[in-house]
Amino acid sequence: MIVISDTSPLVFFAKIEKLTLLRDLYSSIIIPFAVWEELIYPLSKPNEKIPSDIKYEVKAKDEGWLVVKNPESYKYHEIALNLSKNLGRGEAYAIALSLELQADVLLIDDSEARKVAESKGIKTKWCTEVLLDALESNLIKNYQEFEALLNKMIEIGLWMEKSLYDEIIIVEL
């Protein structure tokens, strides 16, 4: 299975100390260099406080299951550059890489970027869907743990419409 990720799913899973759920679900995750740059950006600033979650992303790369790879074809670099006019660099390159590698899924949270990816035939998942997959695969032991992890993601900045949250909570009860 080929899985590409944008920055935010990696950050949210790392911040709740569950980045390895992605490895356990998908074996490996491929990210473009633009996403890697976004992940490790604080390391390039000498006076900036280093977020504690960076160690999980660096470890994942060192272990070899988080793979940094740019599109190889000029065509897909052009696609990324064109997408960058309306999307962030990480999102644009993640979409272009998904197209080039014919990815099975793109992990991406930004709604506009998801729409663009889906309009190009790319299957997308966002953090909540990944958490549900982990619950269904018994990587999350029960619904209470699922709800706690989802709430933790929301507390640290995952945006979700209240109606969707209520739907997920009601469905799982």
C-alpha atoms as a PDB file:
ATOM      1  CA  MET A   1       0.000   0.000   0.000  1.00  0.00           C
ATOM      2  CA  ILE A   2       1.367   3.402  -0.969  1.00  0.00           C
ATOM      3  CA  VAL A   3       0.513   6.089   1.583  1.00  0.00           C
ATOM      4  CA  ILE A   4       1.541   9.726   1.216  1.00  0.00           C
ATOM      5  CA  SER A   5       1.115  12.277   3.993  1.00  0.00           C
ATOM      6  CA  ASP A   6       0.913  16.000   4.321  1.00  0.00           C
ATOM      7  CA  THR A   7       2.373  17.683   7.399  1.00  0.00           C
ATOM      8  CA  SER A   8      -0.600  18.044   9.734  1.00  0.00           C
ATOM      9  CA  PRO A   9      -1.513  14.357  10.204  1.00  0.00           C
ATOM     10  CA  LEU A  10       2.095  13.609  11.143  1.00  0.00           C
ATOM     11  CA  VAL A  11       2.195  16.533  13.565  1.00  0.00           C
ATOM     12  CA  PHE A  12      -1.111  15.654  15.242  1.00  0.00           C
ATOM     13  CA  PHE A  13      -0.201  11.990  15.698  1.00  0.00           C
ATOM     14  CA  ALA A  14       3.263  12.926  16.966  1.00  0.00           C
ATOM     15  CA  LYS A  15       1.872  15.497  19.402  1.00  0.00           C
ATOM     16  CA  ILE A  16      -0.411  12.882  20.980  1.00  0.00           C
ATOM     17  CA  GLU A  17       2.539  10.465  21.011  1.00  0.00           C
ATOM     18  CA  LYS A  18       0.818   8.044  18.627  1.00  0.00           C
ATOM     19  CA  LEU A  19       2.816   8.502  15.423  1.00  0.00           C
ATOM     20  CA  THR A  20       3.541   4.770  15.399  1.00  0.00           C
ATOM     21  CA  LEU A  21      -0.162   4.120  14.743  1.00  0.00           C
ATOM     22  CA  LEU A  22       0.565   5.272  11.185  1.00  0.00           C
ATOM     23  CA  ARG A  23       3.396   2.738  10.885  1.00  0.00           C
ATOM     24  CA  ASP A  24       1.230   0.002  12.373  1.00  0.00           C
ATOM     25  CA  LEU A  25      -1.608   0.756   9.947  1.00  0.00           C
ATOM     26  CA  TYR A  26       0.366   1.396   6.764  1.00  0.00           C
ATOM     27  CA  SER A  27       3.923   0.001   7.268  1.00  0.00           C
ATOM     28  CA  SER A  28       5.468   3.102   5.700  1.00  0.00           C
ATOM     29  CA  ILE A  29       4.547   6.680   4.923  1.00  0.00           C
ATOM     30  CA  ILE A  30       6.058   8.669   2.074  1.00  0.00           C
ATOM     31  CA  ILE A  31       6.358  12.437   2.327  1.00  0.00           C
ATOM     32  CA  PRO A  32       7.737  15.017  -0.082  1.00  0.00           C
ATOM     33  CA  PHE A  33      10.745  17.080   0.971  1.00  0.00           C
ATOM     34  CA  ALA A  34       8.468  20.134   1.403  1.00  0.00           C
ATOM     35  CA  VAL A  35       6.596  18.280   4.151  1.00  0.00           C
ATOM     36  CA  TRP A  36       9.857  17.202   5.806  1.00  0.00           C
ATOM     37  CA  GLU A  37      11.009  20.832   5.780  1.00  0.00           C
ATOM     38  CA  GLU A  38       7.761  21.880   7.476  1.00  0.00           C
ATOM     39  CA  LEU A  39       8.177  19.170  10.109  1.00  0.00           C
ATOM     40  CA  ILE A  40      11.731  20.063  11.064  1.00  0.00           C
ATOM     41  CA  TYR A  41      11.565  23.833  10.475  1.00  0.00           C
ATOM     42  CA  PRO A  42      12.010  24.674  14.185  1.00  0.00           C
ATOM     43  CA  LEU A  43      15.383  22.903  14.146  1.00  0.00           C
ATOM     44  CA  SER A  44      16.679  25.548  11.724  1.00  0.00           C
ATOM     45  CA  LYS A  45      15.951  28.395  14.158  1.00  0.00           C
ATOM     46  CA  PRO A  46      18.663  28.607  16.832  1.00  0.00           C
ATOM     47  CA  ASN A  47      16.600  30.599  19.343  1.00  0.00           C
ATOM     48  CA  GLU A  48      13.279  28.894  18.756  1.00  0.00           C
ATOM     49  CA  LYS A  49      11.889  26.393  21.264  1.00  0.00           C
ATOM     50  CA  ILE A  50      11.947  22.928  19.728  1.00  0.00           C
ATOM     51  CA  PRO A  51       8.521  21.227  19.929  1.00  0.00           C
ATOM     52  CA  SER A  52       8.734  17.916  21.755  1.00  0.00           C
ATOM     53  CA  ASP A  53       6.965  16.031  18.944  1.00  0.00           C
ATOM     54  CA  ILE A  54       9.819  16.539  16.449  1.00  0.00           C
ATOM     55  CA  LYS A  55      11.740  13.669  18.045  1.00  0.00           C
ATOM     56  CA  TYR A  56       9.013  11.224  16.942  1.00  0.00           C
ATOM     57  CA  GLU A  57       9.148  12.334  13.307  1.00  0.00           C
ATOM     58  CA  VAL A  58      12.956  12.258  13.240  1.00  0.00           C
ATOM     59  CA  LYS A  59      12.937   8.803  14.829  1.00  0.00           C
ATOM     60  CA  ALA A  60      10.405   7.557  12.268  1.00  0.00           C
ATOM     61  CA  LYS A  61      12.650   8.779   9.445  1.00  0.00           C
ATOM     62  CA  ASP A  62      15.715   7.220  11.078  1.00  0.00           C
ATOM     63  CA  GLU A  63      13.849   3.910  11.452  1.00  0.00           C
ATOM     64  CA  GLY A  64      13.060   4.015   7.740  1.00  0.00           C
ATOM     65  CA  TRP A  65       9.279   3.905   7.789  1.00  0.00           C
ATOM     66  CA  LEU A  66       8.888   7.654   7.199  1.00  0.00           C
ATOM     67  CA  VAL A  67      10.374   8.066   3.744  1.00  0.00           C
ATOM     68  CA  VAL A  68      11.221  11.445   2.206  1.00  0.00           C
ATOM     69  CA  LYS A  69      10.835  11.405  -1.563  1.00  0.00           C
ATOM     70  CA  ASN A  70      10.156  14.117  -4.108  1.00  0.00           C
ATOM     71  CA  PRO A  71       8.365  13.608  -7.396  1.00  0.00           C
ATOM     72  CA  GLU A  72      10.918  12.447  -9.951  1.00  0.00           C
ATOM     73  CA  SER A  73       9.204  13.545 -13.135  1.00  0.00           C
ATOM     74  CA  TYR A  74       9.301  17.153 -14.283  1.00  0.00           C
ATOM     75  CA  LYS A  75       5.574  16.836 -15.020  1.00  0.00           C
ATOM     76  CA  TYR A  76       4.767  16.301 -11.337  1.00  0.00           C
ATOM     77  CA  HIS A  77       7.068  19.102 -10.206  1.00  0.00           C
ATOM     78  CA  GLU A  78       5.091  21.356 -12.556  1.00  0.00           C
ATOM     79  CA  ILE A  79       1.826  20.107 -11.063  1.00  0.00           C
ATOM     80  CA  ALA A  80       3.139  20.891  -7.568  1.00  0.00           C
ATOM     81  CA  LEU A  81       4.256  24.377  -8.607  1.00  0.00           C
ATOM     82  CA  ASN A  82       0.855  25.100 -10.132  1.00  0.00           C
ATOM     83  CA  LEU A  83      -0.959  23.789  -7.055  1.00  0.00           C
ATOM     84  CA  SER A  84       1.302  25.944  -4.856  1.00  0.00           C
ATOM     85  CA  LYS A  85      -0.477  29.023  -6.207  1.00  0.00           C
ATOM     86  CA  ASN A  86      -3.530  28.115  -4.106  1.00  0.00           C
ATOM     87  CA  LEU A  87      -2.234  25.577  -1.581  1.00  0.00           C
ATOM     88  CA  GLY A  88       0.723  25.311   0.759  1.00  0.00           C
ATOM     89  CA  ARG A  89       3.942  23.783  -0.599  1.00  0.00           C
ATOM     90  CA  GLY A  90       3.599  20.644   1.498  1.00  0.00           C
ATOM     91  CA  GLU A  91       0.038  20.056   0.349  1.00  0.00           C
ATOM     92  CA  ALA A  92       0.905  20.770  -3.293  1.00  0.00           C
ATOM     93  CA  TYR A  93       3.873  18.396  -3.320  1.00  0.00           C
ATOM     94  CA  ALA A  94       1.972  15.716  -1.401  1.00  0.00           C
ATOM     95  CA  ILE A  95      -0.776  15.809  -4.034  1.00  0.00           C
ATOM     96  CA  ALA A  96       1.744  15.746  -6.903  1.00  0.00           C
ATOM     97  CA  LEU A  97       3.646  12.855  -5.311  1.00  0.00           C
ATOM     98  CA  SER A  98       0.364  10.977  -4.775  1.00  0.00           C
ATOM     99  CA  LEU A  99      -0.390  11.358  -8.471  1.00  0.00           C
ATOM    100  CA  GLU A 100       3.070  10.279  -9.583  1.00  0.00           C
ATOM    101  CA  LEU A 101       3.216   7.217  -7.314  1.00  0.00           C
ATOM    102  CA  GLN A 102      -0.480   6.411  -7.799  1.00  0.00           C
ATOM    103  CA  ALA A 103      -0.880   6.370  -4.044  1.00  0.00           C
ATOM    104  CA  ASP A 104      -3.587   4.320  -2.415  1.00  0.00           C
ATOM    105  CA  VAL A 105      -4.292   7.103   0.051  1.00  0.00           C
ATOM    106  CA  LEU A 106      -3.194  10.635   0.914  1.00  0.00           C
ATOM    107  CA  LEU A 107      -3.336  11.658   4.571  1.00  0.00           C
ATOM    108  CA  ILE A 108      -4.346  15.318   4.543  1.00  0.00           C
ATOM    109  CA  ASP A 109      -6.487  17.481   6.813  1.00  0.00           C
ATOM    110  CA  ASP A 110      -6.895  20.791   4.987  1.00  0.00           C
ATOM    111  CA  SER A 111     -10.378  20.807   3.441  1.00  0.00           C
ATOM    112  CA  GLU A 112      -9.403  22.811   0.347  1.00  0.00           C
ATOM    113  CA  ALA A 113      -6.402  20.579  -0.336  1.00  0.00           C
ATOM    114  CA  ARG A 114      -8.591  17.493   0.169  1.00  0.00           C
ATOM    115  CA  LYS A 115     -11.064  18.789  -2.411  1.00  0.00           C
ATOM    116  CA  VAL A 116      -8.271  19.394  -4.904  1.00  0.00           C
ATOM    117  CA  ALA A 117      -6.778  15.943  -4.297  1.00  0.00           C
ATOM    118  CA  GLU A 118     -10.137  14.208  -4.588  1.00  0.00           C
ATOM    119  CA  SER A 119     -10.917  16.127  -7.797  1.00  0.00           C
ATOM    120  CA  LYS A 120      -7.758  14.509  -9.212  1.00  0.00           C
ATOM    121  CA  GLY A 121      -8.939  11.029  -8.215  1.00  0.00           C
ATOM    122  CA  ILE A 122      -6.820  10.705  -5.070  1.00  0.00           C
ATOM    123  CA  LYS A 123      -8.383   8.910  -2.107  1.00  0.00           C
ATOM    124  CA  THR A 124      -7.862  10.989   1.025  1.00  0.00           C
ATOM    125  CA  LYS A 125      -8.117  10.402   4.756  1.00  0.00           C
ATOM    126  CA  TRP A 126      -7.848  12.826   7.582  1.00  0.00           C
ATOM    127  CA  CYS A 127      -6.853  12.269  11.195  1.00  0.00           C
ATOM    128  CA  THR A 128     -10.285  11.184  12.407  1.00  0.00           C
ATOM    129  CA  GLU A 129     -10.567   8.546   9.697  1.00  0.00           C
ATOM    130  CA  VAL A 130      -7.115   7.230  10.571  1.00  0.00           C
ATOM    131  CA  LEU A 131      -8.090   7.047  14.248  1.00  0.00           C
ATOM    132  CA  LEU A 132     -11.239   5.110  13.273  1.00  0.00           C
ATOM    133  CA  ASP A 133      -9.110   2.726  11.176  1.00  0.00           C
ATOM    134  CA  ALA A 134      -6.831   2.208  14.180  1.00  0.00           C
ATOM    135  CA  LEU A 135      -9.850   1.473  16.369  1.00  0.00           C
ATOM    136  CA  GLU A 136     -11.251  -1.003  13.828  1.00  0.00           C
ATOM    137  CA  SER A 137      -7.822  -2.674  13.580  1.00  0.00           C
ATOM    138  CA  ASN A 138      -7.619  -2.965  17.389  1.00  0.00           C
ATOM    139  CA  LEU A 139      -4.542  -0.723  17.480  1.00  0.00           C
ATOM    140  CA  ILE A 140      -6.626   1.505  19.741  1.00  0.00           C
ATOM    141  CA  LYS A 141      -7.968  -0.777  22.441  1.00  0.00           C
ATOM    142  CA  ASN A 142     -11.473   0.660  22.880  1.00  0.00           C
ATOM    143  CA  TYR A 143     -13.830   3.476  22.088  1.00  0.00           C
ATOM    144  CA  GLN A 144     -12.871   5.412  25.214  1.00  0.00           C
ATOM    145  CA  GLU A 145      -9.247   5.540  24.059  1.00  0.00           C
ATOM    146  CA  PHE A 146     -10.401   6.619  20.570  1.00  0.00           C
ATOM    147  CA  GLU A 147     -12.496   9.444  22.035  1.00  0.00           C
ATOM    148  CA  ALA A 148      -9.655  10.543  24.357  1.00  0.00           C
ATOM    149  CA  LEU A 149      -7.176  10.655  21.434  1.00  0.00           C
ATOM    150  CA  LEU A 150      -9.619  12.558  19.235  1.00  0.00           C
ATOM    151  CA  ASN A 151     -10.294  15.072  22.014  1.00  0.00           C
ATOM    152  CA  LYS A 152      -6.565  15.483  22.583  1.00  0.00           C
ATOM    153  CA  MET A 153      -6.070  16.241  18.871  1.00  0.00           C
ATOM    154  CA  ILE A 154      -8.861  18.818  19.022  1.00  0.00           C
ATOM    155  CA  GLU A 155      -7.315  20.403  22.127  1.00  0.00           C
ATOM    156  CA  ILE A 156      -4.006  20.883  20.304  1.00  0.00           C
ATOM    157  CA  GLY A 157      -5.605  22.382  17.206  1.00  0.00           C
ATOM    158  CA  LEU A 158      -7.352  19.819  14.995  1.00  0.00           C
ATOM    159  CA  TRP A 159     -10.340  21.668  13.625  1.00  0.00           C
ATOM    160  CA  MET A 160     -13.574  19.759  13.253  1.00  0.00           C
ATOM    161  CA  GLU A 161     -17.141  20.891  12.751  1.00  0.00           C
ATOM    162  CA  LYS A 162     -19.253  20.226  15.818  1.00  0.00           C
ATOM    163  CA  SER A 163     -21.822  18.336  13.736  1.00  0.00           C
ATOM    164  CA  LEU A 164     -19.127  15.960  12.455  1.00  0.00           C
ATOM    165  CA  TYR A 165     -17.769  15.463  15.964  1.00  0.00           C
ATOM    166  CA  ASP A 166     -21.276  14.688  17.240  1.00  0.00           C
ATOM    167  CA  GLU A 167     -21.844  12.296  14.329  1.00  0.00           C
ATOM    168  CA  ILE A 168     -18.623  10.398  15.070  1.00  0.00           C
ATOM    169  CA  ILE A 169     -19.330  10.243  18.785  1.00  0.00           C
ATOM    170  CA  ILE A 170     -22.953   9.119  18.263  1.00  0.00           C
ATOM    171  CA  VAL A 171     -22.008   6.538  15.601  1.00  0.00           C
ATOM    172  CA  GLU A 172     -19.445   4.939  17.864  1.00  0.00           C
ATOM    173  CA  LEU A 173     -21.660   4.852  20.953  1.00  0.00           C
END
